[in-house]
Amino acid sequence: TTKLWNDKHDYDLAKASIDESLERLGVDYLDLLLIHWPNPKALRENDAWKVGNAGAWKAMEEAYKDGKLRAIGVSNFMQHHLDALLETAEIVPHVNQILLAPGCAQEDLVAYCQERDILLEAYSPLGTGSIFGNEDVEAVAERNGKSVAQVALRWSLQKGFLPLPKSVTAKNIEANLDIFDFDLSEEDMAVLDKIQGSKTQDDPDSVDF
């Protein structure tokens, strides 16, 4: 997976960027390309981001049809960003990569994406570490005989998300994979949905980015 950067929100720039990524990676195709940010700071006047996303998406659709990209998607897109993109898109995004973790369930956006068969990739599925030390999460973990990280990842899977945990430690990587031998109860899922103090999604329309 790679991403289209904020200064490439344009048909020609995106097209060139795709070819540059293929060349730099030394591959014939990419498994997944995402528009990294829906509304870069430089494109906020007069809704220029809408035009930029539409142009970039057209280039991505063409590259997908040409076999250069196996899947195309977006990242950090909220519902109104997706609505705008779908006004001109021929292909519905295959993926929306957003912050999803216990305490940050983004239920309305999730429902919107799932109704359109947009796969939700959960970045920071451990809430950038904010769920550790939370008594409610620790209680769920203890009930299930698992770690806090494992119940957070299991929560993602049972929600239908694809969690993307990050680790460079072999022991943690192995533990992250050891989540297929248990199920969280409806009660546990509800507790995890509503925990307090978890990291939440930044507002793409106001972040200085």
C-alpha atoms as a PDB file:
ATOM      1  CA  THR A   1       0.000   0.000   0.000  1.00  0.00           C
ATOM      2  CA  THR A   2       1.092   3.537  -0.680  1.00  0.00           C
ATOM      3  CA  LYS A   3      -0.627   6.900  -0.590  1.00  0.00           C
ATOM      4  CA  LEU A   4      -1.146   9.924  -2.786  1.00  0.00           C
ATOM      5  CA  TRP A   5       0.346  12.910  -1.021  1.00  0.00           C
ATOM      6  CA  ASN A   6      -1.348  16.269  -0.400  1.00  0.00           C
ATOM      7  CA  ASP A   7       0.407  18.078  -3.245  1.00  0.00           C
ATOM      8  CA  LYS A   8      -0.820  15.547  -5.846  1.00  0.00           C
ATOM      9  CA  HIS A   9      -4.565  16.304  -5.774  1.00  0.00           C
ATOM     10  CA  ASP A  10      -4.837  16.797  -9.528  1.00  0.00           C
ATOM     11  CA  TYR A  11      -5.353  14.468 -12.481  1.00  0.00           C
ATOM     12  CA  ASP A  12      -1.962  14.973 -14.128  1.00  0.00           C
ATOM     13  CA  LEU A  13      -0.018  15.148 -10.869  1.00  0.00           C
ATOM     14  CA  ALA A  14      -1.694  12.002  -9.547  1.00  0.00           C
ATOM     15  CA  LYS A  15      -1.064  10.135 -12.785  1.00  0.00           C
ATOM     16  CA  ALA A  16       2.634  11.031 -12.663  1.00  0.00           C
ATOM     17  CA  SER A  17       2.811  10.156  -8.966  1.00  0.00           C
ATOM     18  CA  ILE A  18       1.426   6.662  -9.583  1.00  0.00           C
ATOM     19  CA  ASP A  19       4.074   5.966 -12.206  1.00  0.00           C
ATOM     20  CA  GLU A  20       6.764   7.406  -9.940  1.00  0.00           C
ATOM     21  CA  SER A  21       5.687   5.119  -7.087  1.00  0.00           C
ATOM     22  CA  LEU A  22       5.797   2.065  -9.345  1.00  0.00           C
ATOM     23  CA  GLU A  23       9.266   3.012 -10.559  1.00  0.00           C
ATOM     24  CA  ARG A  24      10.665   3.769  -7.116  1.00  0.00           C
ATOM     25  CA  LEU A  25       9.288   0.532  -5.673  1.00  0.00           C
ATOM     26  CA  GLY A  26      10.439  -1.469  -8.675  1.00  0.00           C
ATOM     27  CA  VAL A  27       7.057  -3.134  -9.243  1.00  0.00           C
ATOM     28  CA  ASP A  28       4.528  -3.461 -12.057  1.00  0.00           C
ATOM     29  CA  TYR A  29       1.506  -2.819  -9.864  1.00  0.00           C
ATOM     30  CA  LEU A  30       0.500  -1.675  -6.395  1.00  0.00           C
ATOM     31  CA  ASP A  31      -1.894  -3.685  -4.261  1.00  0.00           C
ATOM     32  CA  LEU A  32      -3.566  -0.545  -2.931  1.00  0.00           C
ATOM     33  CA  LEU A  33      -3.281   3.219  -3.443  1.00  0.00           C
ATOM     34  CA  LEU A  34      -5.061   5.637  -1.109  1.00  0.00           C
ATOM     35  CA  ILE A  35      -5.680   9.365  -1.230  1.00  0.00           C
ATOM     36  CA  HIS A  36      -4.026  10.206   2.069  1.00  0.00           C
ATOM     37  CA  TRP A  37      -6.041  13.260   3.135  1.00  0.00           C
ATOM     38  CA  PRO A  38      -9.409  14.512   1.856  1.00  0.00           C
ATOM     39  CA  ASN A  39      -8.964  18.210   2.432  1.00  0.00           C
ATOM     40  CA  PRO A  40      -5.352  19.482   2.477  1.00  0.00           C
ATOM     41  CA  LYS A  41      -4.924  22.926   3.990  1.00  0.00           C
ATOM     42  CA  ALA A  42      -3.796  24.378   0.657  1.00  0.00           C
ATOM     43  CA  LEU A  43      -7.074  23.341  -1.020  1.00  0.00           C
ATOM     44  CA  ARG A  44      -9.655  24.563   1.478  1.00  0.00           C
ATOM     45  CA  GLU A  45     -10.656  27.823  -0.208  1.00  0.00           C
ATOM     46  CA  ASN A  46     -13.671  27.627  -2.512  1.00  0.00           C
ATOM     47  CA  ASP A  47     -13.897  23.864  -1.969  1.00  0.00           C
ATOM     48  CA  ALA A  48     -10.857  23.298  -4.196  1.00  0.00           C
ATOM     49  CA  TRP A  49     -10.394  19.946  -2.455  1.00  0.00           C
ATOM     50  CA  LYS A  50     -13.472  18.598  -4.249  1.00  0.00           C
ATOM     51  CA  VAL A  51     -11.995  19.331  -7.668  1.00  0.00           C
ATOM     52  CA  GLY A  52      -8.602  18.036  -6.581  1.00  0.00           C
ATOM     53  CA  ASN A  53      -9.993  14.756  -5.270  1.00  0.00           C
ATOM     54  CA  ALA A  54     -12.113  14.245  -8.385  1.00  0.00           C
ATOM     55  CA  GLY A  55      -9.104  14.724 -10.651  1.00  0.00           C
ATOM     56  CA  ALA A  56      -6.849  12.472  -8.593  1.00  0.00           C
ATOM     57  CA  TRP A  57      -9.541   9.811  -8.409  1.00  0.00           C
ATOM     58  CA  LYS A  58      -9.959   9.803 -12.185  1.00  0.00           C
ATOM     59  CA  ALA A  59      -6.233   9.120 -12.570  1.00  0.00           C
ATOM     60  CA  MET A  60      -6.482   6.349  -9.986  1.00  0.00           C
ATOM     61  CA  GLU A  61      -9.478   4.790 -11.740  1.00  0.00           C
ATOM     62  CA  GLU A  62      -7.568   4.738 -15.024  1.00  0.00           C
ATOM     63  CA  ALA A  63      -4.539   3.154 -13.363  1.00  0.00           C
ATOM     64  CA  TYR A  64      -6.841   0.557 -11.773  1.00  0.00           C
ATOM     65  CA  LYS A  65      -8.381  -0.281 -15.141  1.00  0.00           C
ATOM     66  CA  ASP A  66      -4.889  -0.523 -16.652  1.00  0.00           C
ATOM     67  CA  GLY A  67      -3.797  -3.005 -13.989  1.00  0.00           C
ATOM     68  CA  LYS A  68      -1.304  -0.671 -12.334  1.00  0.00           C
ATOM     69  CA  LEU A  69      -3.390  -0.689  -9.150  1.00  0.00           C
ATOM     70  CA  ARG A  70      -5.199  -3.722  -7.740  1.00  0.00           C
ATOM     71  CA  ALA A  71      -7.396  -1.605  -5.470  1.00  0.00           C
ATOM     72  CA  ILE A  72      -8.002   2.095  -4.895  1.00  0.00           C
ATOM     73  CA  GLY A  73      -9.247   3.871  -1.831  1.00  0.00           C
ATOM     74  CA  VAL A  74      -9.102   6.822   0.488  1.00  0.00           C
ATOM     75  CA  SER A  75      -7.906   7.637   3.977  1.00  0.00           C
ATOM     76  CA  ASN A  76      -9.398   9.921   6.623  1.00  0.00           C
ATOM     77  CA  PHE A  77     -12.475  10.597   4.453  1.00  0.00           C
ATOM     78  CA  MET A  78     -15.609  11.542   6.333  1.00  0.00           C
ATOM     79  CA  GLN A  79     -19.090  11.129   4.859  1.00  0.00           C
ATOM     80  CA  HIS A  80     -19.233  14.547   3.160  1.00  0.00           C
ATOM     81  CA  HIS A  81     -15.858  13.922   1.515  1.00  0.00           C
ATOM     82  CA  LEU A  82     -17.132  10.601   0.175  1.00  0.00           C
ATOM     83  CA  ASP A  83     -20.394  12.194  -0.972  1.00  0.00           C
ATOM     84  CA  ALA A  84     -18.415  14.751  -2.976  1.00  0.00           C
ATOM     85  CA  LEU A  85     -16.132  12.111  -4.486  1.00  0.00           C
ATOM     86  CA  LEU A  86     -19.051   9.891  -5.506  1.00  0.00           C
ATOM     87  CA  GLU A  87     -20.601  12.740  -7.504  1.00  0.00           C
ATOM     88  CA  THR A  88     -18.050  12.057 -10.270  1.00  0.00           C
ATOM     89  CA  ALA A  89     -16.486   8.689  -9.398  1.00  0.00           C
ATOM     90  CA  GLU A  90     -17.056   5.691 -11.654  1.00  0.00           C
ATOM     91  CA  ILE A  91     -15.621   3.319  -9.061  1.00  0.00           C
ATOM     92  CA  VAL A  92     -16.667   3.402  -5.420  1.00  0.00           C
ATOM     93  CA  PRO A  93     -13.571   3.421  -3.176  1.00  0.00           C
ATOM     94  CA  HIS A  94     -12.598  -0.085  -2.189  1.00  0.00           C
ATOM     95  CA  VAL A  95     -11.169   1.087   1.141  1.00  0.00           C
ATOM     96  CA  ASN A  96     -11.501   3.927   3.633  1.00  0.00           C
ATOM     97  CA  GLN A  97      -8.651   3.918   6.143  1.00  0.00           C
ATOM     98  CA  ILE A  98      -9.733   5.780   9.290  1.00  0.00           C
ATOM     99  CA  LEU A  99      -9.051   5.796  13.014  1.00  0.00           C
ATOM    100  CA  LEU A 100     -11.139   3.031  14.560  1.00  0.00           C
ATOM    101  CA  ALA A 101     -10.480   1.744  18.049  1.00  0.00           C
ATOM    102  CA  PRO A 102     -12.363   1.039  21.246  1.00  0.00           C
ATOM    103  CA  GLY A 103     -13.877   4.371  22.230  1.00  0.00           C
ATOM    104  CA  CYS A 104     -13.741   5.612  18.632  1.00  0.00           C
ATOM    105  CA  ALA A 105     -16.323   3.506  16.806  1.00  0.00           C
ATOM    106  CA  GLN A 106     -17.416   6.228  14.296  1.00  0.00           C
ATOM    107  CA  GLU A 107     -20.742   4.421  13.947  1.00  0.00           C
ATOM    108  CA  ASP A 108     -22.418   6.709  11.378  1.00  0.00           C
ATOM    109  CA  LEU A 109     -19.404   6.757   9.073  1.00  0.00           C
ATOM    110  CA  VAL A 110     -18.955   3.004   9.466  1.00  0.00           C
ATOM    111  CA  ALA A 111     -22.591   2.369   8.515  1.00  0.00           C
ATOM    112  CA  TYR A 112     -22.246   4.670   5.491  1.00  0.00           C
ATOM    113  CA  CYS A 113     -19.160   2.808   4.255  1.00  0.00           C
ATOM    114  CA  GLN A 114     -20.518  -0.659   4.924  1.00  0.00           C
ATOM    115  CA  GLU A 115     -23.721   0.127   3.016  1.00  0.00           C
ATOM    116  CA  ARG A 116     -21.500   0.879   0.001  1.00  0.00           C
ATOM    117  CA  ASP A 117     -19.177  -2.125   0.475  1.00  0.00           C
ATOM    118  CA  ILE A 118     -16.240   0.138   1.325  1.00  0.00           C
ATOM    119  CA  LEU A 119     -13.787  -1.868   3.448  1.00  0.00           C
ATOM    120  CA  LEU A 120     -12.842  -0.066   6.642  1.00  0.00           C
ATOM    121  CA  GLU A 121      -9.175  -0.279   7.520  1.00  0.00           C
ATOM    122  CA  ALA A 122      -8.661   0.595  11.179  1.00  0.00           C
ATOM    123  CA  TYR A 123      -5.437   2.497  11.604  1.00  0.00           C
ATOM    124  CA  SER A 124      -4.237   2.910  15.200  1.00  0.00           C
ATOM    125  CA  PRO A 125      -6.575   0.083  16.317  1.00  0.00           C
ATOM    126  CA  LEU A 126      -5.080   0.393  19.791  1.00  0.00           C
ATOM    127  CA  GLY A 127      -6.038   4.072  19.941  1.00  0.00           C
ATOM    128  CA  THR A 128      -2.376   5.158  19.582  1.00  0.00           C
ATOM    129  CA  GLY A 129      -1.875   3.489  22.957  1.00  0.00           C
ATOM    130  CA  SER A 130      -4.627   5.458  24.696  1.00  0.00           C
ATOM    131  CA  ILE A 131      -6.602   2.322  25.607  1.00  0.00           C
ATOM    132  CA  PHE A 132      -3.795   0.923  27.772  1.00  0.00           C
ATOM    133  CA  GLY A 133      -4.430   1.531  31.441  1.00  0.00           C
ATOM    134  CA  ASN A 134      -8.176   1.874  30.865  1.00  0.00           C
ATOM    135  CA  GLU A 135      -9.902  -0.091  33.630  1.00  0.00           C
ATOM    136  CA  ASP A 136     -12.898  -1.054  31.480  1.00  0.00           C
ATOM    137  CA  VAL A 137     -10.688  -2.460  28.714  1.00  0.00           C
ATOM    138  CA  GLU A 138      -8.528  -4.263  31.252  1.00  0.00           C
ATOM    139  CA  ALA A 139     -11.656  -5.868  32.749  1.00  0.00           C
ATOM    140  CA  VAL A 140     -12.763  -7.118  29.325  1.00  0.00           C
ATOM    141  CA  ALA A 141      -9.278  -8.495  28.699  1.00  0.00           C
ATOM    142  CA  GLU A 142      -9.222 -10.287  32.053  1.00  0.00           C
ATOM    143  CA  ARG A 143     -12.659 -11.823  31.454  1.00  0.00           C
ATOM    144  CA  ASN A 144     -11.461 -13.261  28.166  1.00  0.00           C
ATOM    145  CA  GLY A 145      -7.989 -14.305  29.270  1.00  0.00           C
ATOM    146  CA  LYS A 146      -6.400 -12.054  26.669  1.00  0.00           C
ATOM    147  CA  SER A 147      -4.332  -8.887  26.584  1.00  0.00           C
ATOM    148  CA  VAL A 148      -5.700  -5.377  26.098  1.00  0.00           C
ATOM    149  CA  ALA A 149      -4.216  -5.299  22.593  1.00  0.00           C
ATOM    150  CA  GLN A 150      -5.773  -8.645  21.695  1.00  0.00           C
ATOM    151  CA  VAL A 151      -9.289  -7.654  22.751  1.00  0.00           C
ATOM    152  CA  ALA A 152      -8.945  -4.348  20.861  1.00  0.00           C
ATOM    153  CA  LEU A 153      -7.990  -6.196  17.682  1.00  0.00           C
ATOM    154  CA  ARG A 154     -10.758  -8.743  18.207  1.00  0.00           C
ATOM    155  CA  TRP A 155     -13.215  -5.829  18.611  1.00  0.00           C
ATOM    156  CA  SER A 156     -12.106  -4.543  15.199  1.00  0.00           C
ATOM    157  CA  LEU A 157     -12.554  -7.906  13.521  1.00  0.00           C
ATOM    158  CA  GLN A 158     -16.023  -8.438  14.997  1.00  0.00           C
ATOM    159  CA  LYS A 159     -16.974  -4.971  13.722  1.00  0.00           C
ATOM    160  CA  GLY A 160     -15.942  -6.023  10.220  1.00  0.00           C
ATOM    161  CA  PHE A 161     -12.852  -3.796  10.165  1.00  0.00           C
ATOM    162  CA  LEU A 162      -9.361  -4.666   8.984  1.00  0.00           C
ATOM    163  CA  PRO A 163      -7.114  -3.596  11.885  1.00  0.00           C
ATOM    164  CA  LEU A 164      -3.602  -2.394  11.115  1.00  0.00           C
ATOM    165  CA  PRO A 165      -1.537  -2.797  14.291  1.00  0.00           C
ATOM    166  CA  LYS A 166       2.044  -1.607  14.172  1.00  0.00           C
ATOM    167  CA  SER A 167       4.852  -3.466  15.915  1.00  0.00           C
ATOM    168  CA  VAL A 168       8.523  -4.276  15.399  1.00  0.00           C
ATOM    169  CA  THR A 169       8.626  -6.766  18.295  1.00  0.00           C
ATOM    170  CA  ALA A 170       8.298 -10.417  17.316  1.00  0.00           C
ATOM    171  CA  LYS A 171       6.506 -11.307  20.568  1.00  0.00           C
ATOM    172  CA  ASN A 172       3.875  -8.585  20.025  1.00  0.00           C
ATOM    173  CA  ILE A 173       3.412  -9.500  16.371  1.00  0.00           C
ATOM    174  CA  GLU A 174       2.757 -13.109  17.369  1.00  0.00           C
ATOM    175  CA  ALA A 175       0.319 -11.999  20.073  1.00  0.00           C
ATOM    176  CA  ASN A 176      -1.500  -9.769  17.574  1.00  0.00           C
ATOM    177  CA  LEU A 177      -2.149 -12.852  15.447  1.00  0.00           C
ATOM    178  CA  ASP A 178      -3.427 -14.920  18.381  1.00  0.00           C
ATOM    179  CA  ILE A 179      -6.960 -13.509  18.280  1.00  0.00           C
ATOM    180  CA  PHE A 180      -8.932 -16.156  16.419  1.00  0.00           C
ATOM    181  CA  ASP A 181      -9.673 -18.518  19.305  1.00  0.00           C
ATOM    182  CA  PHE A 182     -12.221 -16.386  21.161  1.00  0.00           C
ATOM    183  CA  ASP A 183     -15.220 -14.116  20.628  1.00  0.00           C
ATOM    184  CA  LEU A 184     -16.169 -11.017  22.563  1.00  0.00           C
ATOM    185  CA  SER A 185     -19.701 -11.034  23.949  1.00  0.00           C
ATOM    186  CA  GLU A 186     -22.232  -8.374  22.988  1.00  0.00           C
ATOM    187  CA  GLU A 187     -21.747  -6.919  26.461  1.00  0.00           C
ATOM    188  CA  ASP A 188     -17.979  -6.726  26.019  1.00  0.00           C
ATOM    189  CA  MET A 189     -18.379  -5.127  22.583  1.00  0.00           C
ATOM    190  CA  ALA A 190     -20.739  -2.516  24.008  1.00  0.00           C
ATOM    191  CA  VAL A 191     -18.288  -1.700  26.804  1.00  0.00           C
ATOM    192  CA  LEU A 192     -15.451  -1.261  24.308  1.00  0.00           C
ATOM    193  CA  ASP A 193     -17.607   0.919  22.055  1.00  0.00           C
ATOM    194  CA  LYS A 194     -18.146   3.455  24.805  1.00  0.00           C
ATOM    195  CA  ILE A 195     -14.892   3.661  26.747  1.00  0.00           C
ATOM    196  CA  GLN A 196     -13.738   7.152  27.648  1.00  0.00           C
ATOM    197  CA  GLY A 197     -10.374   8.753  26.968  1.00  0.00           C
ATOM    198  CA  SER A 198      -9.521   6.918  23.755  1.00  0.00           C
ATOM    199  CA  LYS A 199      -7.881   8.765  20.871  1.00  0.00           C
ATOM    200  CA  THR A 200     -10.445  10.033  18.381  1.00  0.00           C
ATOM    201  CA  GLN A 201     -10.349  10.894  14.698  1.00  0.00           C
ATOM    202  CA  ASP A 202      -8.857  14.284  13.871  1.00  0.00           C
ATOM    203  CA  ASP A 203     -11.138  16.631  11.923  1.00  0.00           C
ATOM    204  CA  PRO A 204      -9.740  16.550   8.359  1.00  0.00           C
ATOM    205  CA  ASP A 205     -11.264  19.945   7.597  1.00  0.00           C
ATOM    206  CA  SER A 206      -9.470  21.834  10.358  1.00  0.00           C
ATOM    207  CA  VAL A 207      -6.166  20.050  10.987  1.00  0.00           C
ATOM    208  CA  ASP A 208      -3.096  22.059   9.958  1.00  0.00           C
ATOM    209  CA  PHE A 209      -2.035  19.559   7.304  1.00  0.00           C
END
